[in-house]
PDB file of N, CA and C in Angstrom:
ATOM      1  N   MET A   1      20.650  -3.363  53.098  1.00  0.00           N
ATOM      2  CA  MET A   1      20.143  -4.064  51.939  1.00  0.00           C
ATOM      3  C   MET A   1      21.190  -4.030  50.843  1.00  0.00           C
ATOM      4  N   SER A   2      21.567  -5.173  50.344  1.00  0.00           N
ATOM      5  CA  SER A   2      22.547  -5.239  49.261  1.00  0.00           C
ATOM      6  C   SER A   2      21.832  -5.191  47.914  1.00  0.00           C
ATOM      7  N   ALA A   3      22.601  -5.026  46.851  1.00  0.00           N
ATOM      8  CA  ALA A   3      22.040  -4.997  45.500  1.00  0.00           C
ATOM      9  C   ALA A   3      21.345  -6.312  45.171  1.00  0.00           C
ATOM     10  N   ASP A   4      21.819  -7.414  45.741  1.00  0.00           N
ATOM     11  CA  ASP A   4      21.205  -8.718  45.494  1.00  0.00           C
ATOM     12  C   ASP A   4      19.841  -8.838  46.155  1.00  0.00           C
ATOM     13  N   ASP A   5      19.569  -8.030  47.181  1.00  0.00           N
ATOM     14  CA  ASP A   5      18.288  -8.073  47.873  1.00  0.00           C
ATOM     15  C   ASP A   5      17.184  -7.372  47.094  1.00  0.00           C
ATOM     16  N   HIS A   6      17.558  -6.516  46.151  1.00  0.00           N
ATOM     17  CA  HIS A   6      16.576  -5.758  45.379  1.00  0.00           C
ATOM     18  C   HIS A   6      16.017  -6.632  44.258  1.00  0.00           C
ATOM     19  N   VAL A   7      14.700  -6.790  44.241  1.00  0.00           N
ATOM     20  CA  VAL A   7      14.034  -7.570  43.194  1.00  0.00           C
ATOM     21  C   VAL A   7      13.082  -6.637  42.468  1.00  0.00           C
ATOM     22  N   ARG A   8      13.195  -6.617  41.142  1.00  0.00           N
ATOM     23  CA  ARG A   8      12.326  -5.759  40.336  1.00  0.00           C
ATOM     24  C   ARG A   8      10.930  -6.360  40.268  1.00  0.00           C
ATOM     25  N   GLU A   9       9.936  -5.569  40.611  1.00  0.00           N
ATOM     26  CA  GLU A   9       8.542  -5.989  40.491  1.00  0.00           C
ATOM     27  C   GLU A   9       8.201  -6.084  39.011  1.00  0.00           C
ATOM     28  N   ARG A  10       7.712  -7.224  38.588  1.00  0.00           N
ATOM     29  CA  ARG A  10       7.352  -7.427  37.181  1.00  0.00           C
ATOM     30  C   ARG A  10       5.931  -6.966  36.937  1.00  0.00           C
ATOM     31  N   PHE A  11       5.710  -6.345  35.792  1.00  0.00           N
ATOM     32  CA  PHE A  11       4.368  -5.918  35.412  1.00  0.00           C
ATOM     33  C   PHE A  11       4.252  -5.949  33.899  1.00  0.00           C
ATOM     34  N   THR A  12       3.008  -5.909  33.436  1.00  0.00           N
ATOM     35  CA  THR A  12       2.722  -5.877  32.006  1.00  0.00           C
ATOM     36  C   THR A  12       1.790  -4.711  31.736  1.00  0.00           C
ATOM     37  N   VAL A  13       2.124  -3.920  30.731  1.00  0.00           N
ATOM     38  CA  VAL A  13       1.235  -2.861  30.277  1.00  0.00           C
ATOM     39  C   VAL A  13       0.296  -3.517  29.269  1.00  0.00           C
ATOM     40  N   ASP A  14      -0.984  -3.592  29.615  1.00  0.00           N
ATOM     41  CA  ASP A  14      -1.975  -4.265  28.781  1.00  0.00           C
ATOM     42  C   ASP A  14      -2.867  -3.217  28.124  1.00  0.00           C
ATOM     43  N   PHE A  15      -2.615  -2.951  26.840  1.00  0.00           N
ATOM     44  CA  PHE A  15      -3.370  -1.917  26.141  1.00  0.00           C
ATOM     45  C   PHE A  15      -4.793  -2.356  25.810  1.00  0.00           C
ATOM     46  N   SER A  16      -5.055  -3.655  25.743  1.00  0.00           N
ATOM     47  CA  SER A  16      -6.420  -4.103  25.448  1.00  0.00           C
ATOM     48  C   SER A  16      -7.361  -3.791  26.608  1.00  0.00           C
ATOM     49  N   SER A  17      -6.864  -3.873  27.843  1.00  0.00           N
ATOM     50  CA  SER A  17      -7.693  -3.537  29.003  1.00  0.00           C
ATOM     51  C   SER A  17      -7.361  -2.148  29.565  1.00  0.00           C
ATOM     52  N   MET A  18      -6.404  -1.467  28.929  1.00  0.00           N
ATOM     53  CA  MET A  18      -5.941  -0.146  29.374  1.00  0.00           C
ATOM     54  C   MET A  18      -5.583  -0.168  30.852  1.00  0.00           C
ATOM     55  N   SER A  19      -4.700  -1.124  31.202  1.00  0.00           N
ATOM     56  CA  SER A  19      -4.271  -1.242  32.591  1.00  0.00           C
ATOM     57  C   SER A  19      -2.823  -1.725  32.660  1.00  0.00           C
ATOM     58  N   VAL A  20      -2.250  -1.580  33.839  1.00  0.00           N
ATOM     59  CA  VAL A  20      -0.937  -2.120  34.152  1.00  0.00           C
ATOM     60  C   VAL A  20      -1.189  -3.223  35.167  1.00  0.00           C
ATOM     61  N   VAL A  21      -0.772  -4.445  34.821  1.00  0.00           N
ATOM     62  CA  VAL A  21      -1.029  -5.603  35.664  1.00  0.00           C
ATOM     63  C   VAL A  21       0.293  -6.068  36.255  1.00  0.00           C
ATOM     64  N   TYR A  22       0.360  -6.074  37.584  1.00  0.00           N
ATOM     65  CA  TYR A  22       1.571  -6.510  38.276  1.00  0.00           C
ATOM     66  C   TYR A  22       1.558  -8.020  38.455  1.00  0.00           C
ATOM     67  N   GLU A  23       2.723  -8.582  38.646  1.00  0.00           N
ATOM     68  CA  GLU A  23       2.936 -10.021  38.731  1.00  0.00           C
ATOM     69  C   GLU A  23       1.975 -10.730  39.690  1.00  0.00           C
ATOM     70  N   GLY A  24       1.656 -10.140  40.802  1.00  0.00           N
ATOM     71  CA  GLY A  24       0.769 -10.759  41.782  1.00  0.00           C
ATOM     72  C   GLY A  24      -0.706 -10.625  41.451  1.00  0.00           C
ATOM     73  N   GLY A  25      -1.049 -10.008  40.310  1.00  0.00           N
ATOM     74  CA  GLY A  25      -2.436  -9.850  39.911  1.00  0.00           C
ATOM     75  C   GLY A  25      -3.017  -8.476  40.182  1.00  0.00           C
ATOM     76  N   PHE A  26      -2.270  -7.642  40.921  1.00  0.00           N
ATOM     77  CA  PHE A  26      -2.691  -6.272  41.208  1.00  0.00           C
ATOM     78  C   PHE A  26      -2.750  -5.491  39.897  1.00  0.00           C
ATOM     79  N   SER A  27      -3.852  -4.792  39.639  1.00  0.00           N
ATOM     80  CA  SER A  27      -4.042  -4.077  38.386  1.00  0.00           C
ATOM     81  C   SER A  27      -4.407  -2.622  38.658  1.00  0.00           C
ATOM     82  N   VAL A  28      -3.843  -1.713  37.864  1.00  0.00           N
ATOM     83  CA  VAL A  28      -4.165  -0.291  37.974  1.00  0.00           C
ATOM     84  C   VAL A  28      -4.506   0.242  36.586  1.00  0.00           C
ATOM     85  N   PRO A  29      -5.440   1.194  36.509  1.00  0.00           N
ATOM     86  CA  PRO A  29      -5.862   1.691  35.198  1.00  0.00           C
ATOM     87  C   PRO A  29      -4.875   2.698  34.598  1.00  0.00           C
ATOM     88  N   ILE A  30      -4.776   2.656  33.278  1.00  0.00           N
ATOM     89  CA  ILE A  30      -4.092   3.720  32.528  1.00  0.00           C
ATOM     90  C   ILE A  30      -5.150   4.799  32.324  1.00  0.00           C
ATOM     91  N   VAL A  31      -4.912   5.994  32.848  1.00  0.00           N
ATOM     92  CA  VAL A  31      -5.921   7.050  32.764  1.00  0.00           C
ATOM     93  C   VAL A  31      -5.692   8.001  31.596  1.00  0.00           C
ATOM     94  N   GLU A  32      -4.443   8.121  31.139  1.00  0.00           N
ATOM     95  CA  GLU A  32      -4.142   8.958  29.976  1.00  0.00           C
ATOM     96  C   GLU A  32      -2.863   8.488  29.316  1.00  0.00           C
ATOM     97  N   MET A  33      -2.763   8.770  28.016  1.00  0.00           N
ATOM     98  CA  MET A  33      -1.535   8.506  27.261  1.00  0.00           C
ATOM     99  C   MET A  33      -1.204   9.774  26.480  1.00  0.00           C
ATOM    100  N   PHE A  34       0.085  10.088  26.410  1.00  0.00           N
ATOM    101  CA  PHE A  34       0.528  11.271  25.686  1.00  0.00           C
ATOM    102  C   PHE A  34       1.528  10.893  24.607  1.00  0.00           C
ATOM    103  N   ASP A  35       1.466  11.595  23.473  1.00  0.00           N
ATOM    104  CA  ASP A  35       2.388  11.342  22.367  1.00  0.00           C
ATOM    105  C   ASP A  35       3.620  12.236  22.479  1.00  0.00           C
ATOM    106  N   ARG A  36       4.455  12.236  21.446  1.00  0.00           N
ATOM    107  CA  ARG A  36       5.712  12.996  21.494  1.00  0.00           C
ATOM    108  C   ARG A  36       5.514  14.508  21.484  1.00  0.00           C
ATOM    109  N   PHE A  37       4.298  14.946  21.164  1.00  0.00           N
ATOM    110  CA  PHE A  37       3.984  16.383  21.179  1.00  0.00           C
ATOM    111  C   PHE A  37       3.291  16.786  22.479  1.00  0.00           C
ATOM    112  N   ASP A  38       3.271  15.878  23.473  1.00  0.00           N
ATOM    113  CA  ASP A  38       2.574  16.089  24.746  1.00  0.00           C
ATOM    114  C   ASP A  38       1.076  16.304  24.562  1.00  0.00           C
ATOM    115  N   MET A  39       0.539  15.680  23.509  1.00  0.00           N
ATOM    116  CA  MET A  39      -0.897  15.712  23.245  1.00  0.00           C
ATOM    117  C   MET A  39      -1.485  14.372  23.658  1.00  0.00           C
ATOM    118  N   GLU A  40      -2.695  14.382  24.188  1.00  0.00           N
ATOM    119  CA  GLU A  40      -3.357  13.143  24.574  1.00  0.00           C
ATOM    120  C   GLU A  40      -3.632  12.296  23.332  1.00  0.00           C
ATOM    121  N   THR A  41      -3.423  10.992  23.460  1.00  0.00           N
ATOM    122  CA  THR A  41      -3.657  10.073  22.348  1.00  0.00           C
ATOM    123  C   THR A  41      -4.359   8.818  22.855  1.00  0.00           C
ATOM    124  N   ASP A  42      -5.080   8.162  21.959  1.00  0.00           N
ATOM    125  CA  ASP A  42      -5.712   6.880  22.269  1.00  0.00           C
ATOM    126  C   ASP A  42      -4.962   5.731  21.609  1.00  0.00           C
ATOM    127  N   ASP A  43      -3.924   6.053  20.847  1.00  0.00           N
ATOM    128  CA  ASP A  43      -3.183   5.060  20.078  1.00  0.00           C
ATOM    129  C   ASP A  43      -1.920   4.627  20.829  1.00  0.00           C
ATOM    130  N   PRO A  44      -1.860   3.365  21.262  1.00  0.00           N
ATOM    131  CA  PRO A  44      -0.664   2.889  21.969  1.00  0.00           C
ATOM    132  C   PRO A  44       0.621   3.009  21.142  1.00  0.00           C
ATOM    133  N   GLU A  45       0.506   2.963  19.821  1.00  0.00           N
ATOM    134  CA  GLU A  45       1.685   3.101  18.960  1.00  0.00           C
ATOM    135  C   GLU A  45       2.277   4.504  19.035  1.00  0.00           C
ATOM    136  N   GLU A  46       1.453   5.502  19.319  1.00  0.00           N
ATOM    137  CA  GLU A  46       1.907   6.894  19.416  1.00  0.00           C
ATOM    138  C   GLU A  46       2.322   7.277  20.833  1.00  0.00           C
ATOM    139  N   ALA A  47       1.897   6.500  21.809  1.00  0.00           N
ATOM    140  CA  ALA A  47       2.107   6.864  23.215  1.00  0.00           C
ATOM    141  C   ALA A  47       3.584   6.854  23.584  1.00  0.00           C
ATOM    142  N   GLU A  48       3.999   7.915  24.233  1.00  0.00           N
ATOM    143  CA  GLU A  48       5.360   7.996  24.761  1.00  0.00           C
ATOM    144  C   GLU A  48       5.358   8.100  26.282  1.00  0.00           C
ATOM    145  N   GLU A  49       4.196   8.417  26.853  1.00  0.00           N
ATOM    146  CA  GLU A  49       4.068   8.524  28.299  1.00  0.00           C
ATOM    147  C   GLU A  49       2.689   8.010  28.701  1.00  0.00           C
ATOM    148  N   LEU A  50       2.656   7.228  29.769  1.00  0.00           N
ATOM    149  CA  LEU A  50       1.400   6.708  30.304  1.00  0.00           C
ATOM    150  C   LEU A  50       1.200   7.275  31.706  1.00  0.00           C
ATOM    151  N   LEU A  51      -0.017   7.636  32.026  1.00  0.00           N
ATOM    152  CA  LEU A  51      -0.355   8.035  33.385  1.00  0.00           C
ATOM    153  C   LEU A  51      -1.228   6.940  33.965  1.00  0.00           C
ATOM    154  N   ILE A  52      -0.812   6.405  35.119  1.00  0.00           N
ATOM    155  CA  ILE A  52      -1.585   5.357  35.779  1.00  0.00           C
ATOM    156  C   ILE A  52      -2.023   5.846  37.155  1.00  0.00           C
ATOM    157  N   LEU A  53      -3.171   5.350  37.600  1.00  0.00           N
ATOM    158  CA  LEU A  53      -3.763   5.783  38.863  1.00  0.00           C
ATOM    159  C   LEU A  53      -3.540   4.714  39.915  1.00  0.00           C
ATOM    160  N   MET A  54      -2.772   5.056  40.953  1.00  0.00           N
ATOM    161  CA  MET A  54      -2.427   4.101  42.013  1.00  0.00           C
ATOM    162  C   MET A  54      -3.351   4.267  43.212  1.00  0.00           C
ATOM    163  N   PRO A  55      -3.998   3.180  43.635  1.00  0.00           N
ATOM    164  CA  PRO A  55      -4.821   3.246  44.844  1.00  0.00           C
ATOM    165  C   PRO A  55      -3.934   3.192  46.078  1.00  0.00           C
ATOM    166  N   PRO A  56      -4.377   3.491  47.230  1.00  0.00           N
ATOM    167  CA  PRO A  56      -5.753   3.878  47.529  1.00  0.00           C
ATOM    168  C   PRO A  56      -5.975   5.380  47.463  1.00  0.00           C
ATOM    169  N   ASP A  57      -4.913   6.157  47.357  1.00  0.00           N
ATOM    170  CA  ASP A  57      -5.042   7.615  47.442  1.00  0.00           C
ATOM    171  C   ASP A  57      -5.186   8.302  46.087  1.00  0.00           C
ATOM    172  N   GLY A  58      -5.139   7.552  45.002  1.00  0.00           N
ATOM    173  CA  GLY A  58      -5.296   8.145  43.682  1.00  0.00           C
ATOM    174  C   GLY A  58      -4.065   8.886  43.193  1.00  0.00           C
ATOM    175  N   ILE A  59      -2.899   8.459  43.628  1.00  0.00           N
ATOM    176  CA  ILE A  59      -1.655   9.077  43.162  1.00  0.00           C
ATOM    177  C   ILE A  59      -1.477   8.726  41.684  1.00  0.00           C
ATOM    178  N   VAL A  60      -1.177   9.726  40.873  1.00  0.00           N
ATOM    179  CA  VAL A  60      -0.956   9.507  39.442  1.00  0.00           C
ATOM    180  C   VAL A  60       0.539   9.316  39.209  1.00  0.00           C
ATOM    181  N   VAL A  61       0.887   8.201  38.560  1.00  0.00           N
ATOM    182  CA  VAL A  61       2.273   7.856  38.285  1.00  0.00           C
ATOM    183  C   VAL A  61       2.497   7.917  36.779  1.00  0.00           C
ATOM    184  N   SER A  62       3.616   8.474  36.378  1.00  0.00           N
ATOM    185  CA  SER A  62       3.971   8.576  34.963  1.00  0.00           C
ATOM    186  C   SER A  62       4.963   7.471  34.598  1.00  0.00           C
ATOM    187  N   LEU A  63       4.661   6.746  33.525  1.00  0.00           N
ATOM    188  CA  LEU A  63       5.578   5.742  32.977  1.00  0.00           C
ATOM    189  C   LEU A  63       6.012   6.204  31.595  1.00  0.00           C
ATOM    190  N   LEU A  64       7.299   6.300  31.367  1.00  0.00           N
ATOM    191  CA  LEU A  64       7.806   6.645  30.042  1.00  0.00           C
ATOM    192  C   LEU A  64       7.994   5.362  29.250  1.00  0.00           C
ATOM    193  N   MET A  65       7.443   5.330  28.060  1.00  0.00           N
ATOM    194  CA  MET A  65       7.530   4.132  27.229  1.00  0.00           C
ATOM    195  C   MET A  65       8.989   3.779  26.934  1.00  0.00           C
ATOM    196  N   SER A  66       9.850   4.771  26.851  1.00  0.00           N
ATOM    197  CA  SER A  66      11.263   4.516  26.566  1.00  0.00           C
ATOM    198  C   SER A  66      11.950   3.757  27.698  1.00  0.00           C
ATOM    199  N   ASP A  67      11.365   3.784  28.906  1.00  0.00           N
ATOM    200  CA  ASP A  67      11.936   3.067  30.049  1.00  0.00           C
ATOM    201  C   ASP A  67      11.460   1.624  30.144  1.00  0.00           C
ATOM    202  N   LEU A  68      10.464   1.262  29.330  1.00  0.00           N
ATOM    203  CA  LEU A  68       9.905  -0.085  29.386  1.00  0.00           C
ATOM    204  C   LEU A  68      10.592  -0.995  28.387  1.00  0.00           C
ATOM    205  N   ARG A  69      10.638  -2.277  28.724  1.00  0.00           N
ATOM    206  CA  ARG A  69      11.161  -3.280  27.792  1.00  0.00           C
ATOM    207  C   ARG A  69      10.010  -3.818  26.961  1.00  0.00           C
ATOM    208  N   ALA A  70      10.314  -4.395  25.816  1.00  0.00           N
ATOM    209  CA  ALA A  70       9.279  -4.927  24.922  1.00  0.00           C
ATOM    210  C   ALA A  70       8.416  -5.963  25.605  1.00  0.00           C
ATOM    211  N   ASP A  71       9.006  -6.789  26.475  1.00  0.00           N
ATOM    212  CA  ASP A  71       8.211  -7.832  27.149  1.00  0.00           C
ATOM    213  C   ASP A  71       7.363  -7.281  28.290  1.00  0.00           C
ATOM    214  N   ASP A  72       7.447  -5.968  28.565  1.00  0.00           N
ATOM    215  CA  ASP A  72       6.594  -5.331  29.560  1.00  0.00           C
ATOM    216  C   ASP A  72       5.266  -4.893  28.954  1.00  0.00           C
ATOM    217  N   MET A  73       5.122  -4.988  27.620  1.00  0.00           N
ATOM    218  CA  MET A  73       3.935  -4.470  26.935  1.00  0.00           C
ATOM    219  C   MET A  73       3.182  -5.578  26.224  1.00  0.00           C
ATOM    220  N   GLN A  74       1.862  -5.449  26.225  1.00  0.00           N
ATOM    221  CA  GLN A  74       1.013  -6.422  25.573  1.00  0.00           C
ATOM    222  C   GLN A  74      -0.026  -5.665  24.765  1.00  0.00           C
ATOM    223  N   GLN A  75      -0.046  -5.893  23.456  1.00  0.00           N
ATOM    224  CA  GLN A  75      -1.029  -5.256  22.592  1.00  0.00           C
ATOM    225  C   GLN A  75      -2.310  -6.071  22.607  1.00  0.00           C
ATOM    226  N   GLY A  76      -3.414  -5.411  22.385  1.00  0.00           N
ATOM    227  CA  GLY A  76      -4.690  -6.096  22.270  1.00  0.00           C
ATOM    228  C   GLY A  76      -4.810  -6.749  20.908  1.00  0.00           C
ATOM    229  N   PRO A  77      -5.880  -7.510  20.686  1.00  0.00           N
ATOM    230  CA  PRO A  77      -6.085  -8.142  19.389  1.00  0.00           C
ATOM    231  C   PRO A  77      -6.301  -7.102  18.305  1.00  0.00           C
ATOM    232  N   ALA A  78      -5.846  -7.399  17.101  1.00  0.00           N
ATOM    233  CA  ALA A  78      -5.998  -6.475  15.975  1.00  0.00           C
ATOM    234  C   ALA A  78      -7.470  -6.374  15.616  1.00  0.00           C
ATOM    235  N   ASN A  79      -7.918  -5.150  15.287  1.00  0.00           N
ATOM    236  CA  ASN A  79      -9.333  -4.948  14.911  1.00  0.00           C
ATOM    237  C   ASN A  79      -9.519  -5.142  13.448  1.00  0.00           C
TER     238      ASN A  79
END
């Protein structure tokens, strides 16, 4: 496999639905968010790490916000 054969799977972190939605429509829930003090937070603005639950075995995957691009994230409507 050459470097040209590798295609990055596109996804969007959707804070309004608290999920990560992949390009093909596959969606997984965000189960926890942690801030810079490693404390659980409900505020996407404070989140530095997201934990998502991958089916079918329930593997928990960590996403660091610093590794995501701005176009990978979608904020919900303002309250």
